[in-house]
C-alpha atoms as a PDB file:
ATOM      1  CA  MET A   1    -116.195   3.411 -27.477  1.00  0.00           C
ATOM      2  CA  LYS A   2    -117.672   0.788 -25.180  1.00  0.00           C
ATOM      3  CA  ILE A   3    -115.514  -0.676 -22.383  1.00  0.00           C
ATOM      4  CA  LEU A   4    -116.221  -3.880 -20.463  1.00  0.00           C
ATOM      5  CA  ILE A   5    -114.972  -4.022 -16.847  1.00  0.00           C
ATOM      6  CA  VAL A   6    -114.890  -7.529 -15.386  1.00  0.00           C
ATOM      7  CA  ASP A   7    -114.203  -7.972 -11.664  1.00  0.00           C
ATOM      8  CA  ASP A   8    -115.955  -9.850  -8.884  1.00  0.00           C
ATOM      9  CA  SER A   9    -115.507  -6.875  -6.541  1.00  0.00           C
ATOM     10  CA  ASP A  10    -118.232  -4.217  -6.696  1.00  0.00           C
ATOM     11  CA  VAL A  11    -115.785  -1.718  -5.187  1.00  0.00           C
ATOM     12  CA  VAL A  12    -113.113  -2.345  -7.830  1.00  0.00           C
ATOM     13  CA  ARG A  13    -115.641  -2.079 -10.653  1.00  0.00           C
ATOM     14  CA  THR A  14    -116.836   1.248  -9.224  1.00  0.00           C
ATOM     15  CA  VAL A  15    -113.292   2.612  -8.860  1.00  0.00           C
ATOM     16  CA  VAL A  16    -112.378   1.554 -12.410  1.00  0.00           C
ATOM     17  CA  ARG A  17    -115.586   3.078 -13.782  1.00  0.00           C
ATOM     18  CA  GLN A  18    -114.856   6.349 -11.950  1.00  0.00           C
ATOM     19  CA  ALA A  19    -111.300   6.446 -13.319  1.00  0.00           C
ATOM     20  CA  LEU A  20    -112.560   5.821 -16.845  1.00  0.00           C
ATOM     21  CA  THR A  21    -115.220   8.521 -16.450  1.00  0.00           C
ATOM     22  CA  LEU A  22    -112.536  10.988 -15.340  1.00  0.00           C
ATOM     23  CA  GLY A  23    -110.697  10.122 -18.543  1.00  0.00           C
ATOM     24  CA  GLY A  24    -113.765  10.813 -20.655  1.00  0.00           C
ATOM     25  CA  TYR A  25    -114.759   7.181 -21.200  1.00  0.00           C
ATOM     26  CA  ASN A  26    -118.453   7.018 -20.345  1.00  0.00           C
ATOM     27  CA  ASP A  27    -119.758   4.006 -22.264  1.00  0.00           C
ATOM     28  CA  VAL A  28    -118.878   1.360 -19.661  1.00  0.00           C
ATOM     29  CA  VAL A  29    -120.462  -2.031 -19.068  1.00  0.00           C
ATOM     30  CA  GLU A  30    -119.742  -4.132 -15.970  1.00  0.00           C
ATOM     31  CA  ALA A  31    -119.656  -7.887 -15.381  1.00  0.00           C
ATOM     32  CA  LYS A  32    -119.025  -9.639 -12.082  1.00  0.00           C
ATOM     33  CA  ASP A  33    -117.228 -12.691 -13.500  1.00  0.00           C
ATOM     34  CA  GLY A  34    -115.907 -14.243 -16.687  1.00  0.00           C
ATOM     35  CA  VAL A  35    -119.109 -16.109 -17.521  1.00  0.00           C
ATOM     36  CA  GLU A  36    -121.195 -12.933 -17.382  1.00  0.00           C
ATOM     37  CA  ALA A  37    -118.561 -11.076 -19.424  1.00  0.00           C
ATOM     38  CA  LEU A  38    -118.396 -13.785 -22.074  1.00  0.00           C
ATOM     39  CA  GLU A  39    -122.195 -13.690 -22.440  1.00  0.00           C
ATOM     40  CA  ALA A  40    -122.032  -9.924 -23.044  1.00  0.00           C
ATOM     41  CA  ALA A  41    -119.193 -10.301 -25.534  1.00  0.00           C
ATOM     42  CA  ARG A  42    -120.902 -13.155 -27.406  1.00  0.00           C
ATOM     43  CA  ALA A  43    -124.061 -11.070 -27.742  1.00  0.00           C
ATOM     44  CA  SER A  44    -122.074  -8.425 -29.616  1.00  0.00           C
ATOM     45  CA  PRO A  45    -118.456  -9.514 -30.262  1.00  0.00           C
ATOM     46  CA  LYS A  46    -117.342  -6.287 -31.942  1.00  0.00           C
ATOM     47  CA  ALA A  47    -119.122  -3.912 -29.533  1.00  0.00           C
ATOM     48  CA  PHE A  48    -116.303  -3.492 -27.031  1.00  0.00           C
ATOM     49  CA  GLY A  49    -113.240  -1.400 -27.809  1.00  0.00           C
ATOM     50  CA  LEU A  50    -111.475  -2.334 -24.561  1.00  0.00           C
ATOM     51  CA  PHE A  51    -111.680  -5.029 -21.901  1.00  0.00           C
ATOM     52  CA  VAL A  52    -110.431  -4.568 -18.313  1.00  0.00           C
ATOM     53  CA  LEU A  53    -110.267  -7.951 -16.573  1.00  0.00           C
ATOM     54  CA  ASP A  54    -109.464  -9.242 -13.126  1.00  0.00           C
ATOM     55  CA  VAL A  55    -107.594 -12.565 -13.014  1.00  0.00           C
ATOM     56  CA  ASN A  56    -109.072 -14.300  -9.980  1.00  0.00           C
ATOM     57  CA  MET A  57    -112.866 -14.561 -10.259  1.00  0.00           C
ATOM     58  CA  PRO A  58    -115.503 -17.226  -9.623  1.00  0.00           C
ATOM     59  CA  ARG A  59    -117.013 -19.319 -12.437  1.00  0.00           C
ATOM     60  CA  MET A  60    -114.402 -18.231 -15.035  1.00  0.00           C
ATOM     61  CA  ASP A  61    -111.068 -16.583 -14.320  1.00  0.00           C
ATOM     62  CA  GLY A  62    -109.700 -13.696 -16.347  1.00  0.00           C
ATOM     63  CA  ILE A  63    -106.969 -15.677 -18.101  1.00  0.00           C
ATOM     64  CA  THR A  64    -109.487 -18.196 -19.417  1.00  0.00           C
ATOM     65  CA  LEU A  65    -111.689 -15.278 -20.435  1.00  0.00           C
ATOM     66  CA  VAL A  66    -108.865 -13.750 -22.488  1.00  0.00           C
ATOM     67  CA  GLY A  67    -108.669 -16.927 -24.561  1.00  0.00           C
ATOM     68  CA  GLU A  68    -112.447 -17.074 -24.970  1.00  0.00           C
ATOM     69  CA  LEU A  69    -112.621 -13.436 -26.073  1.00  0.00           C
ATOM     70  CA  ARG A  70    -109.925 -13.990 -28.680  1.00  0.00           C
ATOM     71  CA  THR A  71    -111.800 -17.010 -30.079  1.00  0.00           C
ATOM     72  CA  LEU A  72    -114.717 -14.634 -30.734  1.00  0.00           C
ATOM     73  CA  GLY A  73    -112.432 -12.727 -33.093  1.00  0.00           C
ATOM     74  CA  THR A  74    -112.116  -9.527 -31.087  1.00  0.00           C
ATOM     75  CA  GLN A  75    -108.872  -7.640 -31.609  1.00  0.00           C
ATOM     76  CA  SER A  76    -109.688  -5.072 -28.922  1.00  0.00           C
ATOM     77  CA  PRO A  77    -107.072  -4.483 -26.225  1.00  0.00           C
ATOM     78  CA  ILE A  78    -107.381  -6.503 -23.029  1.00  0.00           C
ATOM     79  CA  ILE A  79    -105.895  -5.004 -19.855  1.00  0.00           C
ATOM     80  CA  MET A  80    -105.517  -7.295 -16.870  1.00  0.00           C
ATOM     81  CA  LEU A  81    -106.094  -5.342 -13.643  1.00  0.00           C
ATOM     82  CA  THR A  82    -105.259  -7.640 -10.750  1.00  0.00           C
ATOM     83  CA  THR A  83    -103.430  -8.274  -7.491  1.00  0.00           C
ATOM     84  CA  GLU A  84    -101.835 -11.285  -9.197  1.00  0.00           C
ATOM     85  CA  THR A  85     -98.053 -10.992  -9.629  1.00  0.00           C
ATOM     86  CA  GLU A  86     -97.213 -14.580 -10.583  1.00  0.00           C
ATOM     87  CA  LYS A  87     -94.994 -14.416 -13.687  1.00  0.00           C
ATOM     88  CA  SER A  88     -96.411 -17.622 -15.207  1.00  0.00           C
ATOM     89  CA  LYS A  89     -99.928 -16.164 -15.132  1.00  0.00           C
ATOM     90  CA  MET A  90     -98.715 -12.981 -16.810  1.00  0.00           C
ATOM     91  CA  VAL A  91     -96.988 -14.999 -19.524  1.00  0.00           C
ATOM     92  CA  ARG A  92    -100.046 -17.213 -20.081  1.00  0.00           C
ATOM     93  CA  ALA A  93    -102.369 -14.210 -20.332  1.00  0.00           C
ATOM     94  CA  LYS A  94    -100.070 -12.595 -22.884  1.00  0.00           C
ATOM     95  CA  GLU A  95     -99.863 -15.827 -24.902  1.00  0.00           C
ATOM     96  CA  LEU A  96    -103.659 -15.909 -25.045  1.00  0.00           C
ATOM     97  CA  GLY A  97    -103.881 -12.282 -26.165  1.00  0.00           C
ATOM     98  CA  ALA A  98    -103.793  -9.933 -23.170  1.00  0.00           C
ATOM     99  CA  THR A  99    -102.198  -6.620 -24.095  1.00  0.00           C
ATOM    100  CA  GLY A 100    -101.452  -5.113 -20.668  1.00  0.00           C
ATOM    101  CA  TRP A 101    -101.065  -5.998 -16.980  1.00  0.00           C
ATOM    102  CA  ILE A 102    -101.649  -3.550 -14.115  1.00  0.00           C
ATOM    103  CA  ILE A 103    -101.250  -4.453 -10.446  1.00  0.00           C
ATOM    104  CA  LYS A 104    -103.900  -3.367  -7.904  1.00  0.00           C
ATOM    105  CA  PRO A 105    -104.094  -1.084  -6.107  1.00  0.00           C
ATOM    106  CA  PHE A 106    -103.570   1.283  -9.002  1.00  0.00           C
ATOM    107  CA  ASN A 107    -103.171   4.995  -9.572  1.00  0.00           C
ATOM    108  CA  ALA A 108    -106.054   6.355 -11.661  1.00  0.00           C
ATOM    109  CA  GLU A 109    -103.848   8.601 -13.816  1.00  0.00           C
ATOM    110  CA  LYS A 110    -101.372   5.811 -14.573  1.00  0.00           C
ATOM    111  CA  PHE A 111    -104.279   3.505 -15.366  1.00  0.00           C
ATOM    112  CA  LEU A 112    -105.682   6.090 -17.787  1.00  0.00           C
ATOM    113  CA  ASP A 113    -102.239   6.475 -19.372  1.00  0.00           C
ATOM    114  CA  VAL A 114    -102.278   2.736 -20.120  1.00  0.00           C
ATOM    115  CA  VAL A 115    -105.839   2.925 -21.449  1.00  0.00           C
ATOM    116  CA  ARG A 116    -104.877   5.825 -23.744  1.00  0.00           C
ATOM    117  CA  MET A 117    -101.823   3.915 -24.920  1.00  0.00           C
ATOM    118  CA  PHE A 118    -104.012   1.059 -26.185  1.00  0.00           C
ATOM    119  CA  VAL A 119    -107.117   2.952 -27.268  1.00  0.00           C
ATOM    120  CA  ARG A 120    -107.672   5.781 -29.643  1.00  0.00           C
ATOM    121  CA  SER A 121    -110.917   7.419 -28.584  1.00  0.00           C
END
C-alpha cells in the first residue's frame, strides 16, 4: 500500500517516514505542500491507500487539500498530523473528509496504532 506524507517540514516528513517504516509500511511518497501532493494524487487518484497531511503549509493548506482529494474520488483514509488544535479547523477537516487528527509532537507507536486502525495492510 502506498502512503503519501504531506508536510512542509523535511524533519517531520523524515520522522513520519521512519515511523511508518518501523510499522512495515515501506511504499511512502513525500510532498512538501498541498499543491505538490494534489499533483501526485491527480496523476494516480487510486494509488494511495493513506494520506498523512499537515494543516499549515504554503501554497495549499491541508484542510483545502482534504477537500481536493475527496473531489478526486479517493476513499482512502486521511490523517491530519499537525500542531493545530483549533476546534473549528478539526471540524472543517472532518466535514471535508478527514478521518483522523493527531497532534504533533507524536509518539511513533500511537501514530502507528492510528494508521493500523484505518488501514488494513
